[in-house]
Amino acid sequence: MARLTILLVALVAAMATAFAPVPLSRTVSTTALNGQTRVEVKIGEGEPIESALRRFKREVNKSGHLMDLRHKRYFENSQDRKKRKIVQARIRKRLERMNARRMRQRRS
C-alpha cells in the first residue's frame, strides 16, 4: 500500500506543475484551492494500479483544468476568448442534441 501511495503521488506531481500532490483520500473529488487543482481518488484494497490510474486520468479530464491551462499558455484577448467560447457552446449543444436524439430512439 505504501508503494502504491508513493507511485500515485509521483504521478500527480508529474502530470502538471499546477496539480499539487495530495495524499490518498476516501472520496473522489476535485477542488480548486488558491488557483491550484486538487484531484483525489480513492484506491480500494487490492485494486490494480492500472484501474486507479485510469480513474485518476478520467477525473483530471472531467475537471477541465488541463484545458484551461492549455488556453492560458499563450495570451488570448477578449475577442478571441469570446469566439472560442461560442464555438465550444455550439459543439456542446450539438452533442446534447445528438444524445437527446439517441435517448428518444432507444425509448421507441
Protein backbone atom coordinates (compact mmCIF):
# COMPACT_ATOMS: atom_id res chain seq x y z
CA MET A 1 0.00 0.00 0.00
CA ALA A 2 2.88 2.39 0.76
CA ARG A 3 4.43 1.68 -2.64
CA LEU A 4 1.09 2.41 -4.30
CA THR A 5 0.79 5.70 -2.41
CA ILE A 6 4.28 6.79 -3.46
CA LEU A 7 3.58 5.89 -7.08
CA LEU A 8 0.29 7.82 -7.14
CA VAL A 9 1.86 10.91 -5.54
CA ALA A 10 4.71 10.79 -8.07
CA LEU A 11 2.18 10.53 -10.91
CA VAL A 12 0.24 13.54 -9.63
CA ALA A 13 3.43 15.59 -9.45
CA ALA A 14 4.44 14.56 -12.96
CA MET A 15 1.05 15.30 -14.60
CA ALA A 16 1.42 19.08 -14.46
CA THR A 17 3.00 21.63 -12.21
CA ALA A 18 -0.42 23.14 -11.48
CA PHE A 19 -1.54 19.94 -9.78
CA ALA A 20 -0.40 19.70 -6.18
CA PRO A 21 0.45 16.18 -4.95
CA VAL A 22 -2.06 15.10 -2.33
CA PRO A 23 -2.35 12.09 -0.06
CA LEU A 24 -4.93 9.43 -0.86
CA SER A 25 -8.45 10.09 0.30
CA ARG A 26 -11.57 8.07 0.92
CA THR A 27 -13.57 10.18 -1.54
CA VAL A 28 -13.25 11.01 -5.22
CA SER A 29 -13.38 14.78 -5.58
CA THR A 30 -11.92 17.67 -7.49
CA THR A 31 -11.45 21.02 -5.81
CA ALA A 32 -9.64 24.24 -6.60
CA LEU A 33 -7.60 25.83 -3.84
CA ASN A 34 -5.54 29.00 -4.30
CA GLY A 35 -5.51 28.61 -8.07
CA GLN A 36 -4.32 25.00 -7.82
CA THR A 37 -6.42 21.99 -8.68
CA ARG A 38 -6.64 19.05 -6.37
CA VAL A 39 -7.86 15.69 -7.64
CA GLU A 40 -8.39 12.92 -5.13
CA VAL A 41 -9.09 9.28 -5.98
CA LYS A 42 -9.86 6.50 -3.51
CA ILE A 43 -7.87 3.33 -4.09
CA GLY A 44 -9.51 0.16 -2.89
CA GLU A 45 -7.66 -2.61 -1.12
CA GLY A 46 -6.12 -4.92 -3.71
CA GLU A 47 -7.17 -2.70 -6.63
CA PRO A 48 -4.78 -2.84 -9.61
CA ILE A 49 -2.76 0.31 -10.24
CA GLU A 50 -3.93 0.42 -13.87
CA SER A 51 -7.56 0.92 -12.90
CA ALA A 52 -6.63 3.55 -10.31
CA LEU A 53 -4.60 5.44 -12.91
CA ARG A 54 -7.45 5.19 -15.39
CA ARG A 55 -9.90 6.64 -12.84
CA PHE A 56 -7.40 9.37 -11.93
CA LYS A 57 -6.97 10.39 -15.59
CA ARG A 58 -10.75 10.43 -16.05
CA GLU A 59 -11.17 12.73 -13.02
CA VAL A 60 -8.45 15.07 -14.29
CA ASN A 61 -10.13 15.26 -17.70
CA LYS A 62 -13.56 15.84 -16.15
CA SER A 63 -12.24 18.69 -14.02
CA GLY A 64 -11.45 20.68 -17.18
CA HIS A 65 -8.42 22.37 -15.67
CA LEU A 66 -5.96 20.93 -18.19
CA MET A 67 -7.93 22.58 -21.00
CA ASP A 68 -7.86 25.82 -19.03
CA LEU A 69 -4.09 25.56 -18.63
CA ARG A 70 -3.72 24.86 -22.33
CA HIS A 71 -5.65 28.02 -23.20
CA LYS A 72 -3.70 30.11 -20.69
CA ARG A 73 -0.37 29.01 -22.13
CA TYR A 74 -0.48 31.98 -24.52
CA PHE A 75 -2.18 35.34 -24.22
CA GLU A 76 -5.72 35.36 -25.54
CA ASN A 77 -7.52 38.67 -25.92
CA SER A 78 -11.19 39.02 -25.04
CA GLN A 79 -12.41 38.81 -28.63
CA ASP A 80 -10.58 35.53 -29.26
CA ARG A 81 -11.79 34.14 -25.93
CA LYS A 82 -15.37 35.07 -26.83
CA LYS A 83 -15.07 33.35 -30.22
CA ARG A 84 -13.64 30.21 -28.61
CA LYS A 85 -16.43 30.11 -26.02
CA ILE A 86 -19.07 30.47 -28.76
CA VAL A 87 -17.55 27.57 -30.70
CA GLN A 88 -17.37 25.45 -27.55
CA ALA A 89 -21.00 26.20 -26.73
CA ARG A 90 -22.02 25.29 -30.29
CA ILE A 91 -20.22 21.94 -30.04
CA ARG A 92 -21.67 21.25 -26.58
CA LYS A 93 -25.23 22.00 -27.76
CA ARG A 94 -24.75 19.76 -30.81
CA LEU A 95 -23.60 16.87 -28.62
CA GLU A 96 -26.55 17.42 -26.28
CA ARG A 97 -28.97 17.30 -29.23
CA MET A 98 -27.33 14.12 -30.54
CA ASN A 99 -27.53 12.45 -27.12
CA ALA A 100 -31.17 13.50 -26.70
CA ARG A 101 -31.99 12.07 -30.15
CA ARG A 102 -30.24 8.82 -29.21
CA MET A 103 -32.22 8.56 -26.00
CA ARG A 104 -35.51 9.16 -27.84
CA GLN A 105 -34.63 6.44 -30.35
CA ARG A 106 -33.82 3.96 -27.57
CA ARG A 107 -37.21 4.58 -25.92
CA SER A 108 -39.18 3.82 -29.08
